[in-house]
Amino acid sequence: MKYTHVIWDFNGTILDDVSPCIDVLNALLKKRSLECVDCEQYKKVFGFPIKDYYVKVGFDFSKEDYGVLADEWAKLYREATPDCGLCKGVKEAIDYFKSKGMTQIILSATEKSLLQEQLVPLGIASYFSETLALDNLYAVSKVELGKEWIKRNKPQKAIFIGDTEHDFETAAAMGVDCVLIANGHQNKERLSLLGVPVMNSASDLIKLF
């Protein structure tokens, strides 16, 4: 059956922000005299909820408040990402889906105002009928947002495109198909264990469809 709706994750799937995310993380770690991580290490441990991933890389929330760290991260991240562009192949894929008459939305664990701040300069906002994001900086989960969207819209046939295990979990909770792209925040080895198609870039989505 032809898909009627395409649900996109944003960070690492549409927005190419992996490198600045690693830079910001390392700035936070260095400030606390903790060991920095390289790209390979980052993609092995990154996950949701973000608080749990922070514990894995060494932050101790018995010594500091997670909310304070989240605010500090947001400030540094905003400073580090104004020049981030699209991930490889995204423009071609969204053009293709549009040409096929598919409705496209964004579903993100990013805070709403930050997402809009990043989306508008990319020049693709008009492709998306809805942009769903969280109302806080804590990046806990977007599952409930996704389930609410399903109840409201009752899509005939939808697919979720993301770059993390949490995207897979969100798609499963929503009852929709899932395809993952392995050039974002988690590595292909992790994503390949989930039993769904894993692409090397968004350009490969056109071949899949």
N, C-alpha and C. Protein backbone atom coordinates (compact mmCIF):
# COMPACT_ATOMS: atom_id res chain seq x y z
N MET A 1 0.83 -1.21 0.00
CA MET A 1 0.00 0.00 0.00
C MET A 1 0.87 1.25 0.00
N LYS A 2 0.46 2.24 -0.75
CA LYS A 2 1.18 3.51 -0.80
C LYS A 2 1.06 4.24 0.54
N TYR A 3 2.14 4.84 1.00
CA TYR A 3 2.09 5.63 2.22
C TYR A 3 1.37 6.95 1.96
N THR A 4 0.54 7.32 2.92
CA THR A 4 -0.17 8.59 2.82
C THR A 4 0.51 9.67 3.64
N HIS A 5 1.25 9.27 4.68
CA HIS A 5 1.89 10.22 5.60
C HIS A 5 3.33 9.81 5.89
N VAL A 6 4.22 10.78 5.89
CA VAL A 6 5.62 10.57 6.26
C VAL A 6 5.90 11.42 7.50
N ILE A 7 6.35 10.77 8.56
CA ILE A 7 6.65 11.44 9.83
C ILE A 7 8.17 11.49 9.98
N TRP A 8 8.70 12.68 10.05
CA TRP A 8 10.15 12.86 10.13
C TRP A 8 10.60 13.23 11.54
N ASP A 9 11.63 12.57 12.04
CA ASP A 9 12.40 13.11 13.16
C ASP A 9 13.17 14.32 12.63
N PHE A 10 13.67 15.17 13.52
CA PHE A 10 14.35 16.38 13.06
C PHE A 10 15.87 16.31 13.24
N ASN A 11 16.34 16.32 14.48
CA ASN A 11 17.79 16.40 14.74
C ASN A 11 18.48 15.11 14.34
N GLY A 12 19.46 15.22 13.47
CA GLY A 12 20.20 14.05 13.01
C GLY A 12 19.55 13.32 11.86
N THR A 13 18.29 13.67 11.57
CA THR A 13 17.57 13.07 10.44
C THR A 13 17.37 14.10 9.34
N ILE A 14 16.88 15.27 9.73
CA ILE A 14 16.75 16.41 8.81
C ILE A 14 17.92 17.37 9.01
N LEU A 15 18.14 17.78 10.27
CA LEU A 15 19.20 18.74 10.59
C LEU A 15 20.51 18.02 10.87
N ASP A 16 21.56 18.41 10.17
CA ASP A 16 22.87 17.78 10.33
C ASP A 16 23.62 18.43 11.50
N ASP A 17 23.29 17.98 12.71
CA ASP A 17 23.83 18.64 13.91
C ASP A 17 24.67 17.72 14.80
N VAL A 18 25.12 16.60 14.27
CA VAL A 18 25.88 15.66 15.09
C VAL A 18 27.19 16.26 15.59
N SER A 19 27.97 16.86 14.70
CA SER A 19 29.27 17.42 15.10
C SER A 19 29.15 18.49 16.17
N PRO A 20 28.26 19.50 16.02
CA PRO A 20 28.13 20.48 17.10
C PRO A 20 27.61 19.88 18.40
N CYS A 21 26.77 18.84 18.30
CA CYS A 21 26.30 18.18 19.53
C CYS A 21 27.47 17.55 20.29
N ILE A 22 28.40 16.95 19.56
CA ILE A 22 29.58 16.36 20.20
C ILE A 22 30.45 17.47 20.80
N ASP A 23 30.60 18.56 20.08
CA ASP A 23 31.40 19.68 20.58
C ASP A 23 30.81 20.25 21.87
N VAL A 24 29.50 20.41 21.90
CA VAL A 24 28.84 20.95 23.10
C VAL A 24 28.97 19.98 24.26
N LEU A 25 28.74 18.70 23.99
CA LEU A 25 28.89 17.69 25.04
C LEU A 25 30.30 17.74 25.62
N ASN A 26 31.30 17.81 24.77
CA ASN A 26 32.68 17.81 25.25
C ASN A 26 33.01 19.08 26.03
N ALA A 27 32.39 20.19 25.66
CA ALA A 27 32.60 21.43 26.42
C ALA A 27 32.04 21.27 27.83
N LEU A 28 30.88 20.64 27.94
CA LEU A 28 30.26 20.40 29.25
C LEU A 28 31.08 19.41 30.07
N LEU A 29 31.59 18.37 29.42
CA LEU A 29 32.40 17.37 30.12
C LEU A 29 33.72 17.98 30.60
N LYS A 30 34.36 18.74 29.70
CA LYS A 30 35.65 19.34 30.04
C LYS A 30 35.52 20.30 31.22
N LYS A 31 34.43 21.06 31.26
CA LYS A 31 34.21 22.00 32.34
C LYS A 31 34.15 21.30 33.70
N ARG A 32 33.72 20.03 33.67
CA ARG A 32 33.58 19.26 34.90
C ARG A 32 34.74 18.28 35.09
N SER A 33 35.79 18.46 34.32
CA SER A 33 36.99 17.60 34.37
C SER A 33 36.66 16.14 34.11
N LEU A 34 35.70 15.92 33.20
CA LEU A 34 35.32 14.57 32.80
C LEU A 34 35.92 14.27 31.43
N GLU A 35 36.05 12.98 31.11
CA GLU A 35 36.68 12.56 29.86
C GLU A 35 35.80 12.88 28.66
N CYS A 36 36.38 13.48 27.65
CA CYS A 36 35.65 13.82 26.43
C CYS A 36 35.42 12.56 25.57
N VAL A 37 34.52 12.66 24.61
CA VAL A 37 34.20 11.53 23.73
C VAL A 37 34.47 11.92 22.28
N ASP A 38 34.78 10.92 21.46
CA ASP A 38 34.90 11.16 20.03
C ASP A 38 33.59 10.77 19.35
N CYS A 39 33.53 10.92 18.04
CA CYS A 39 32.29 10.66 17.31
C CYS A 39 31.82 9.22 17.47
N GLU A 40 32.75 8.29 17.37
CA GLU A 40 32.40 6.87 17.49
C GLU A 40 31.81 6.56 18.87
N GLN A 41 32.46 7.08 19.91
CA GLN A 41 31.96 6.85 21.27
C GLN A 41 30.58 7.48 21.47
N TYR A 42 30.43 8.68 20.95
CA TYR A 42 29.15 9.39 21.07
C TYR A 42 28.01 8.58 20.47
N LYS A 43 28.21 8.08 19.25
CA LYS A 43 27.13 7.35 18.57
C LYS A 43 26.83 6.01 19.23
N LYS A 44 27.77 5.51 20.02
CA LYS A 44 27.54 4.26 20.75
C LYS A 44 26.68 4.47 21.99
N VAL A 45 26.76 5.67 22.59
CA VAL A 45 26.07 5.88 23.88
C VAL A 45 24.87 6.83 23.80
N PHE A 46 24.79 7.66 22.78
CA PHE A 46 23.68 8.62 22.72
C PHE A 46 22.33 7.91 22.73
N GLY A 47 21.39 8.49 23.46
CA GLY A 47 20.05 7.90 23.50
C GLY A 47 19.09 8.73 24.32
N PHE A 48 17.87 8.22 24.46
CA PHE A 48 16.81 8.88 25.22
C PHE A 48 16.36 7.97 26.35
N PRO A 49 15.92 8.56 27.45
CA PRO A 49 15.95 9.99 27.76
C PRO A 49 17.38 10.53 27.81
N ILE A 50 17.53 11.79 27.45
CA ILE A 50 18.84 12.41 27.42
C ILE A 50 19.54 12.33 28.78
N LYS A 51 18.78 12.46 29.84
CA LYS A 51 19.36 12.41 31.19
C LYS A 51 20.11 11.10 31.41
N ASP A 52 19.54 9.99 30.93
CA ASP A 52 20.20 8.69 31.10
C ASP A 52 21.50 8.61 30.31
N TYR A 53 21.49 9.17 29.12
CA TYR A 53 22.71 9.17 28.30
C TYR A 53 23.80 10.02 28.95
N TYR A 54 23.41 11.15 29.57
CA TYR A 54 24.37 11.98 30.28
C TYR A 54 25.05 11.21 31.41
N VAL A 55 24.28 10.39 32.11
CA VAL A 55 24.85 9.58 33.19
C VAL A 55 25.90 8.63 32.61
N LYS A 56 25.61 8.05 31.45
CA LYS A 56 26.54 7.11 30.82
C LYS A 56 27.88 7.75 30.50
N VAL A 57 27.87 9.04 30.14
CA VAL A 57 29.15 9.68 29.78
C VAL A 57 29.84 10.33 30.99
N GLY A 58 29.21 10.24 32.17
CA GLY A 58 29.93 10.65 33.37
C GLY A 58 29.32 11.73 34.24
N PHE A 59 28.21 12.36 33.81
CA PHE A 59 27.60 13.40 34.66
C PHE A 59 27.00 12.77 35.90
N ASP A 60 27.07 13.47 37.01
CA ASP A 60 26.58 12.97 38.29
C ASP A 60 25.48 13.91 38.80
N PHE A 61 24.23 13.45 38.70
CA PHE A 61 23.11 14.31 39.09
C PHE A 61 22.79 14.27 40.58
N SER A 62 23.67 13.62 41.33
CA SER A 62 23.60 13.77 42.78
C SER A 62 24.41 15.00 43.21
N LYS A 63 25.21 15.51 42.25
CA LYS A 63 26.06 16.67 42.54
C LYS A 63 25.57 17.95 41.85
N GLU A 64 24.77 17.80 40.81
CA GLU A 64 24.23 18.98 40.12
C GLU A 64 22.85 18.66 39.58
N ASP A 65 22.09 19.71 39.34
CA ASP A 65 20.71 19.57 38.88
C ASP A 65 20.66 19.40 37.36
N TYR A 66 19.89 18.41 36.92
CA TYR A 66 19.78 18.17 35.49
C TYR A 66 19.19 19.36 34.74
N GLY A 67 18.24 20.04 35.35
CA GLY A 67 17.63 21.20 34.72
C GLY A 67 18.64 22.30 34.44
N VAL A 68 19.56 22.51 35.35
CA VAL A 68 20.61 23.52 35.16
C VAL A 68 21.52 23.12 34.00
N LEU A 69 21.88 21.83 33.95
CA LEU A 69 22.72 21.33 32.86
C LEU A 69 21.99 21.45 31.52
N ALA A 70 20.69 21.14 31.50
CA ALA A 70 19.90 21.24 30.27
C ALA A 70 19.88 22.68 29.75
N ASP A 71 19.75 23.62 30.66
CA ASP A 71 19.77 25.04 30.27
C ASP A 71 21.14 25.44 29.71
N GLU A 72 22.19 24.94 30.36
CA GLU A 72 23.55 25.24 29.91
C GLU A 72 23.79 24.64 28.52
N TRP A 73 23.32 23.41 28.34
CA TRP A 73 23.45 22.75 27.04
C TRP A 73 22.72 23.56 25.96
N ALA A 74 21.49 23.99 26.25
CA ALA A 74 20.69 24.71 25.26
C ALA A 74 21.38 25.99 24.81
N LYS A 75 21.99 26.70 25.75
CA LYS A 75 22.68 27.93 25.41
C LYS A 75 23.86 27.65 24.48
N LEU A 76 24.67 26.67 24.83
CA LEU A 76 25.84 26.34 24.01
C LEU A 76 25.41 25.77 22.65
N TYR A 77 24.35 24.97 22.66
CA TYR A 77 23.88 24.36 21.42
C TYR A 77 23.37 25.42 20.45
N ARG A 78 22.62 26.39 20.96
CA ARG A 78 22.13 27.47 20.10
C ARG A 78 23.30 28.23 19.46
N GLU A 79 24.35 28.43 20.25
CA GLU A 79 25.52 29.15 19.74
C GLU A 79 26.28 28.33 18.71
N ALA A 80 26.19 27.01 18.82
CA ALA A 80 27.01 26.12 17.98
C ALA A 80 26.33 25.70 16.68
N THR A 81 25.01 25.93 16.57
CA THR A 81 24.28 25.31 15.44
C THR A 81 23.64 26.26 14.43
N PRO A 82 23.89 27.57 14.43
CA PRO A 82 23.17 28.42 13.48
C PRO A 82 23.49 28.12 12.02
N ASP A 83 24.64 27.51 11.76
CA ASP A 83 25.03 27.24 10.38
C ASP A 83 24.80 25.79 9.95
N CYS A 84 24.12 25.01 10.79
CA CYS A 84 23.86 23.61 10.43
C CYS A 84 22.93 23.55 9.23
N GLY A 85 23.25 22.67 8.30
CA GLY A 85 22.41 22.49 7.12
C GLY A 85 21.62 21.20 7.19
N LEU A 86 21.12 20.80 6.04
CA LEU A 86 20.33 19.57 5.93
C LEU A 86 21.25 18.35 5.86
N CYS A 87 20.78 17.25 6.42
CA CYS A 87 21.48 15.98 6.24
C CYS A 87 21.45 15.59 4.75
N LYS A 88 22.42 14.82 4.34
CA LYS A 88 22.55 14.41 2.95
C LYS A 88 21.27 13.75 2.43
N GLY A 89 20.77 14.25 1.31
CA GLY A 89 19.64 13.62 0.64
C GLY A 89 18.27 14.02 1.13
N VAL A 90 18.20 14.83 2.18
CA VAL A 90 16.89 15.18 2.74
C VAL A 90 16.04 15.97 1.75
N LYS A 91 16.63 16.99 1.12
CA LYS A 91 15.84 17.81 0.19
C LYS A 91 15.28 16.95 -0.95
N GLU A 92 16.09 16.07 -1.48
CA GLU A 92 15.63 15.20 -2.55
C GLU A 92 14.48 14.31 -2.08
N ALA A 93 14.60 13.79 -0.85
CA ALA A 93 13.56 12.89 -0.33
C ALA A 93 12.24 13.63 -0.08
N ILE A 94 12.31 14.83 0.53
CA ILE A 94 11.06 15.53 0.80
C ILE A 94 10.41 16.02 -0.50
N ASP A 95 11.24 16.36 -1.47
CA ASP A 95 10.70 16.71 -2.79
C ASP A 95 9.98 15.51 -3.41
N TYR A 96 10.58 14.36 -3.29
CA TYR A 96 10.01 13.13 -3.85
C TYR A 96 8.67 12.81 -3.18
N PHE A 97 8.65 12.86 -1.84
CA PHE A 97 7.41 12.55 -1.12
C PHE A 97 6.31 13.55 -1.48
N LYS A 98 6.69 14.80 -1.63
CA LYS A 98 5.71 15.81 -2.02
C LYS A 98 5.15 15.51 -3.40
N SER A 99 6.02 15.10 -4.32
CA SER A 99 5.57 14.80 -5.69
C SER A 99 4.60 13.62 -5.72
N LYS A 100 4.68 12.75 -4.71
CA LYS A 100 3.80 11.60 -4.62
C LYS A 100 2.54 11.90 -3.82
N GLY A 101 2.39 13.16 -3.39
CA GLY A 101 1.18 13.56 -2.68
C GLY A 101 1.12 13.12 -1.24
N MET A 102 2.26 12.79 -0.64
CA MET A 102 2.28 12.35 0.76
C MET A 102 2.29 13.56 1.69
N THR A 103 1.55 13.48 2.78
CA THR A 103 1.57 14.50 3.81
C THR A 103 2.79 14.27 4.69
N GLN A 104 3.57 15.33 4.94
CA GLN A 104 4.78 15.20 5.74
C GLN A 104 4.68 16.04 7.01
N ILE A 105 5.09 15.46 8.14
CA ILE A 105 5.13 16.20 9.40
C ILE A 105 6.48 15.98 10.07
N ILE A 106 6.80 16.84 11.02
CA ILE A 106 7.99 16.66 11.85
C ILE A 106 7.53 16.33 13.26
N LEU A 107 8.13 15.31 13.86
CA LEU A 107 7.87 14.94 15.25
C LEU A 107 9.21 14.86 15.96
N SER A 108 9.43 15.78 16.91
CA SER A 108 10.76 15.92 17.50
C SER A 108 10.72 16.01 19.02
N ALA A 109 11.80 15.56 19.65
CA ALA A 109 11.96 15.72 21.10
C ALA A 109 12.67 17.03 21.44
N THR A 110 12.84 17.88 20.44
CA THR A 110 13.42 19.20 20.66
C THR A 110 12.36 20.15 21.23
N GLU A 111 12.80 21.17 21.93
CA GLU A 111 11.88 22.19 22.45
C GLU A 111 11.34 23.02 21.28
N LYS A 112 10.05 23.39 21.35
CA LYS A 112 9.35 24.00 20.21
C LYS A 112 10.05 25.22 19.62
N SER A 113 10.37 26.18 20.45
CA SER A 113 10.95 27.42 19.92
C SER A 113 12.31 27.17 19.29
N LEU A 114 13.09 26.26 19.87
CA LEU A 114 14.40 25.92 19.31
C LEU A 114 14.23 25.24 17.96
N LEU A 115 13.25 24.34 17.85
CA LEU A 115 13.01 23.66 16.58
C LEU A 115 12.64 24.66 15.49
N GLN A 116 11.76 25.60 15.79
CA GLN A 116 11.37 26.59 14.79
C GLN A 116 12.56 27.47 14.39
N GLU A 117 13.37 27.80 15.38
CA GLU A 117 14.58 28.61 15.15
C GLU A 117 15.52 27.91 14.17
N GLN A 118 15.57 26.58 14.24
CA GLN A 118 16.47 25.82 13.37
C GLN A 118 15.83 25.49 12.02
N LEU A 119 14.52 25.28 12.02
CA LEU A 119 13.84 24.84 10.81
C LEU A 119 13.72 25.94 9.76
N VAL A 120 13.34 27.13 10.18
CA VAL A 120 13.04 28.20 9.22
C VAL A 120 14.20 28.51 8.27
N PRO A 121 15.45 28.65 8.76
CA PRO A 121 16.55 28.97 7.83
C PRO A 121 16.85 27.87 6.81
N LEU A 122 16.36 26.66 7.05
CA LEU A 122 16.64 25.56 6.13
C LEU A 122 15.83 25.67 4.84
N GLY A 123 14.77 26.50 4.86
CA GLY A 123 13.98 26.73 3.66
C GLY A 123 13.04 25.60 3.27
N ILE A 124 12.71 24.73 4.24
CA ILE A 124 11.86 23.58 3.92
C ILE A 124 10.58 23.53 4.76
N ALA A 125 10.34 24.56 5.55
CA ALA A 125 9.20 24.54 6.48
C ALA A 125 7.88 24.31 5.76
N SER A 126 7.76 24.83 4.54
CA SER A 126 6.49 24.73 3.82
C SER A 126 6.15 23.30 3.40
N TYR A 127 7.11 22.40 3.46
CA TYR A 127 6.85 21.01 3.08
C TYR A 127 6.05 20.26 4.15
N PHE A 128 6.02 20.80 5.36
CA PHE A 128 5.45 20.06 6.49
C PHE A 128 4.12 20.65 6.93
N SER A 129 3.11 19.80 7.02
CA SER A 129 1.78 20.27 7.41
C SER A 129 1.70 20.53 8.91
N GLU A 130 2.53 19.85 9.69
CA GLU A 130 2.58 20.06 11.15
C GLU A 130 4.01 19.90 11.63
N THR A 131 4.34 20.64 12.68
CA THR A 131 5.63 20.50 13.35
C THR A 131 5.36 20.29 14.83
N LEU A 132 5.60 19.07 15.31
CA LEU A 132 5.31 18.70 16.69
C LEU A 132 6.60 18.62 17.48
N ALA A 133 6.64 19.29 18.64
CA ALA A 133 7.84 19.31 19.46
C ALA A 133 7.45 19.46 20.93
N LEU A 134 8.43 19.32 21.81
CA LEU A 134 8.16 19.37 23.24
C LEU A 134 8.08 20.81 23.75
N ASP A 135 7.52 20.97 24.93
CA ASP A 135 7.40 22.31 25.52
C ASP A 135 8.47 22.56 26.58
N ASN A 136 9.53 21.73 26.56
CA ASN A 136 10.62 21.91 27.53
C ASN A 136 11.93 21.45 26.91
N LEU A 137 13.03 21.67 27.63
CA LEU A 137 14.37 21.36 27.12
C LEU A 137 14.87 19.98 27.52
N TYR A 138 14.03 19.18 28.19
CA TYR A 138 14.56 17.98 28.83
C TYR A 138 14.62 16.75 27.93
N ALA A 139 14.02 16.80 26.74
CA ALA A 139 14.14 15.74 25.73
C ALA A 139 13.90 14.35 26.31
N VAL A 140 12.80 14.21 27.03
CA VAL A 140 12.51 12.92 27.66
C VAL A 140 11.98 11.93 26.64
N SER A 141 10.89 12.27 25.94
CA SER A 141 10.29 11.36 24.97
C SER A 141 9.28 12.10 24.12
N LYS A 142 9.14 11.65 22.88
CA LYS A 142 8.11 12.22 22.00
C LYS A 142 7.00 11.22 21.72
N VAL A 143 6.99 10.11 22.46
CA VAL A 143 6.01 9.05 22.23
C VAL A 143 4.58 9.57 22.39
N GLU A 144 4.32 10.29 23.48
CA GLU A 144 2.95 10.76 23.71
C GLU A 144 2.50 11.74 22.63
N LEU A 145 3.41 12.61 22.19
CA LEU A 145 3.09 13.53 21.09
C LEU A 145 2.67 12.74 19.84
N GLY A 146 3.41 11.68 19.56
CA GLY A 146 3.13 10.86 18.40
C GLY A 146 1.80 10.14 18.50
N LYS A 147 1.52 9.59 19.67
CA LYS A 147 0.26 8.86 19.87
C LYS A 147 -0.94 9.80 19.77
N GLU A 148 -0.78 11.01 20.31
CA GLU A 148 -1.86 11.99 20.21
C GLU A 148 -2.12 12.37 18.76
N TRP A 149 -1.03 12.52 17.99
CA TRP A 149 -1.18 12.87 16.58
C TRP A 149 -1.93 11.78 15.83
N ILE A 150 -1.61 10.51 16.11
CA ILE A 150 -2.29 9.39 15.47
C ILE A 150 -3.79 9.43 15.76
N LYS A 151 -4.14 9.68 17.02
CA LYS A 151 -5.56 9.72 17.41
C LYS A 151 -6.29 10.83 16.67
N ARG A 152 -5.63 11.98 16.52
CA ARG A 152 -6.27 13.13 15.86
C ARG A 152 -6.42 12.92 14.35
N ASN A 153 -5.42 12.33 13.74
CA ASN A 153 -5.37 12.31 12.28
C ASN A 153 -5.77 10.99 11.63
N LYS A 154 -5.61 9.88 12.37
CA LYS A 154 -5.96 8.56 11.85
C LYS A 154 -5.47 8.35 10.40
N PRO A 155 -4.16 8.44 10.20
CA PRO A 155 -3.62 8.30 8.84
C PRO A 155 -3.88 6.91 8.27
N GLN A 156 -4.10 6.85 6.98
CA GLN A 156 -4.37 5.56 6.35
C GLN A 156 -3.14 4.66 6.41
N LYS A 157 -1.99 5.21 6.07
CA LYS A 157 -0.75 4.43 6.08
C LYS A 157 0.42 5.38 6.28
N ALA A 158 1.10 5.27 7.41
CA ALA A 158 2.17 6.21 7.75
C ALA A 158 3.49 5.49 7.98
N ILE A 159 4.58 6.22 7.78
CA ILE A 159 5.92 5.70 8.06
C ILE A 159 6.72 6.77 8.79
N PHE A 160 7.52 6.34 9.76
CA PHE A 160 8.35 7.23 10.56
C PHE A 160 9.80 7.10 10.09
N ILE A 161 10.44 8.23 9.84
CA ILE A 161 11.85 8.26 9.43
C ILE A 161 12.67 8.90 10.54
N GLY A 162 13.65 8.17 11.06
CA GLY A 162 14.46 8.71 12.15
C GLY A 162 15.89 8.20 12.12
N ASP A 163 16.62 8.49 13.20
CA ASP A 163 18.03 8.10 13.24
C ASP A 163 18.43 7.47 14.57
N THR A 164 17.44 7.14 15.43
CA THR A 164 17.77 6.60 16.75
C THR A 164 16.82 5.47 17.15
N GLU A 165 17.21 4.74 18.17
CA GLU A 165 16.34 3.70 18.74
C GLU A 165 15.03 4.31 19.24
N HIS A 166 15.10 5.53 19.76
CA HIS A 166 13.88 6.17 20.26
C HIS A 166 12.90 6.45 19.13
N ASP A 167 13.40 6.72 17.93
CA ASP A 167 12.51 6.89 16.79
C ASP A 167 11.79 5.57 16.48
N PHE A 168 12.53 4.48 16.55
CA PHE A 168 11.93 3.16 16.37
C PHE A 168 10.86 2.90 17.43
N GLU A 169 11.18 3.21 18.68
CA GLU A 169 10.23 3.01 19.77
C GLU A 169 8.98 3.89 19.59
N THR A 170 9.19 5.11 19.12
CA THR A 170 8.07 6.02 18.89
C THR A 170 7.17 5.49 17.78
N ALA A 171 7.78 5.04 16.70
CA ALA A 171 7.01 4.48 15.59
C ALA A 171 6.19 3.28 16.05
N ALA A 172 6.81 2.41 16.86
CA ALA A 172 6.10 1.23 17.35
C ALA A 172 4.91 1.63 18.22
N ALA A 173 5.11 2.63 19.09
CA ALA A 173 4.03 3.10 19.96
C ALA A 173 2.89 3.72 19.15
N MET A 174 3.23 4.33 18.02
CA MET A 174 2.24 4.95 17.15
C MET A 174 1.56 3.94 16.24
N GLY A 175 2.15 2.74 16.12
CA GLY A 175 1.59 1.71 15.24
C GLY A 175 1.86 1.98 13.78
N VAL A 176 3.01 2.61 13.48
CA VAL A 176 3.34 2.91 12.08
C VAL A 176 4.66 2.24 11.71
N ASP A 177 4.91 2.13 10.41
CA ASP A 177 6.16 1.57 9.93
C ASP A 177 7.33 2.51 10.25
N CYS A 178 8.54 1.97 10.16
CA CYS A 178 9.72 2.77 10.51
C CYS A 178 10.88 2.43 9.58
N VAL A 179 11.62 3.46 9.21
CA VAL A 179 12.89 3.28 8.52
C VAL A 179 13.89 4.23 9.18
N LEU A 180 15.12 3.76 9.37
CA LEU A 180 16.13 4.53 10.08
C LEU A 180 17.29 4.88 9.16
N ILE A 181 17.93 6.00 9.45
CA ILE A 181 19.07 6.48 8.67
C ILE A 181 20.30 6.50 9.58
N ALA A 182 21.37 5.88 9.12
CA ALA A 182 22.53 5.65 9.99
C ALA A 182 23.62 6.70 9.86
N ASN A 183 23.26 7.93 9.48
CA ASN A 183 24.29 8.98 9.48
C ASN A 183 23.95 10.07 10.47
N GLY A 184 23.14 9.72 11.50
CA GLY A 184 22.74 10.68 12.52
C GLY A 184 23.42 10.42 13.85
N HIS A 185 22.61 10.39 14.93
CA HIS A 185 23.17 10.36 16.28
C HIS A 185 23.47 8.97 16.83
N GLN A 186 23.09 7.93 16.11
CA GLN A 186 23.45 6.57 16.55
C GLN A 186 24.03 5.80 15.37
N ASN A 187 24.87 4.83 15.69
CA ASN A 187 25.58 4.13 14.62
C ASN A 187 24.74 3.01 14.00
N LYS A 188 25.19 2.56 12.84
CA LYS A 188 24.45 1.55 12.10
C LYS A 188 24.37 0.23 12.85
N GLU A 189 25.41 -0.08 13.60
CA GLU A 189 25.42 -1.33 14.37
C GLU A 189 24.24 -1.39 15.33
N ARG A 190 23.98 -0.31 16.04
CA ARG A 190 22.85 -0.27 16.98
C ARG A 190 21.52 -0.34 16.25
N LEU A 191 21.41 0.45 15.19
CA LEU A 191 20.13 0.53 14.48
C LEU A 191 19.79 -0.77 13.77
N SER A 192 20.79 -1.49 13.32
CA SER A 192 20.56 -2.73 12.57
C SER A 192 19.98 -3.84 13.44
N LEU A 193 20.05 -3.69 14.74
CA LEU A 193 19.51 -4.70 15.66
C LEU A 193 17.99 -4.59 15.82
N LEU A 194 17.40 -3.54 15.27
CA LEU A 194 15.99 -3.26 15.54
C LEU A 194 15.02 -3.92 14.56
N GLY A 195 15.53 -4.50 13.49
CA GLY A 195 14.67 -5.26 12.59
C GLY A 195 13.86 -4.44 11.61
N VAL A 196 14.30 -3.20 11.36
CA VAL A 196 13.65 -2.36 10.35
C VAL A 196 14.70 -1.93 9.33
N PRO A 197 14.29 -1.45 8.15
CA PRO A 197 15.28 -1.01 7.16
C PRO A 197 16.16 0.10 7.70
N VAL A 198 17.46 0.02 7.43
CA VAL A 198 18.42 1.05 7.84
C VAL A 198 19.14 1.54 6.59
N MET A 199 18.98 2.83 6.30
CA MET A 199 19.59 3.45 5.13
C MET A 199 20.89 4.16 5.53
N ASN A 200 21.77 4.34 4.56
CA ASN A 200 23.00 5.09 4.82
C ASN A 200 22.79 6.60 4.76
N SER A 201 21.79 7.03 3.98
CA SER A 201 21.47 8.45 3.90
C SER A 201 20.03 8.59 3.44
N ALA A 202 19.50 9.82 3.55
CA ALA A 202 18.11 10.06 3.14
C ALA A 202 17.92 9.85 1.65
N SER A 203 19.00 9.98 0.85
CA SER A 203 18.85 9.73 -0.58
C SER A 203 18.38 8.32 -0.87
N ASP A 204 18.77 7.36 0.00
CA ASP A 204 18.39 5.96 -0.20
C ASP A 204 16.90 5.73 0.00
N LEU A 205 16.22 6.68 0.65
CA LEU A 205 14.79 6.51 0.90
C LEU A 205 14.02 6.43 -0.41
N ILE A 206 14.45 7.17 -1.40
CA ILE A 206 13.75 7.18 -2.69
C ILE A 206 13.79 5.77 -3.31
N LYS A 207 14.93 5.11 -3.22
CA LYS A 207 15.05 3.74 -3.74
C LYS A 207 14.13 2.79 -2.97
N LEU A 208 14.07 2.98 -1.65
CA LEU A 208 13.24 2.11 -0.81
C LEU A 208 11.77 2.24 -1.17
N PHE A 209 11.32 3.47 -1.44
CA PHE A 209 9.91 3.70 -1.73
C PHE A 209 9.59 3.32 -3.17
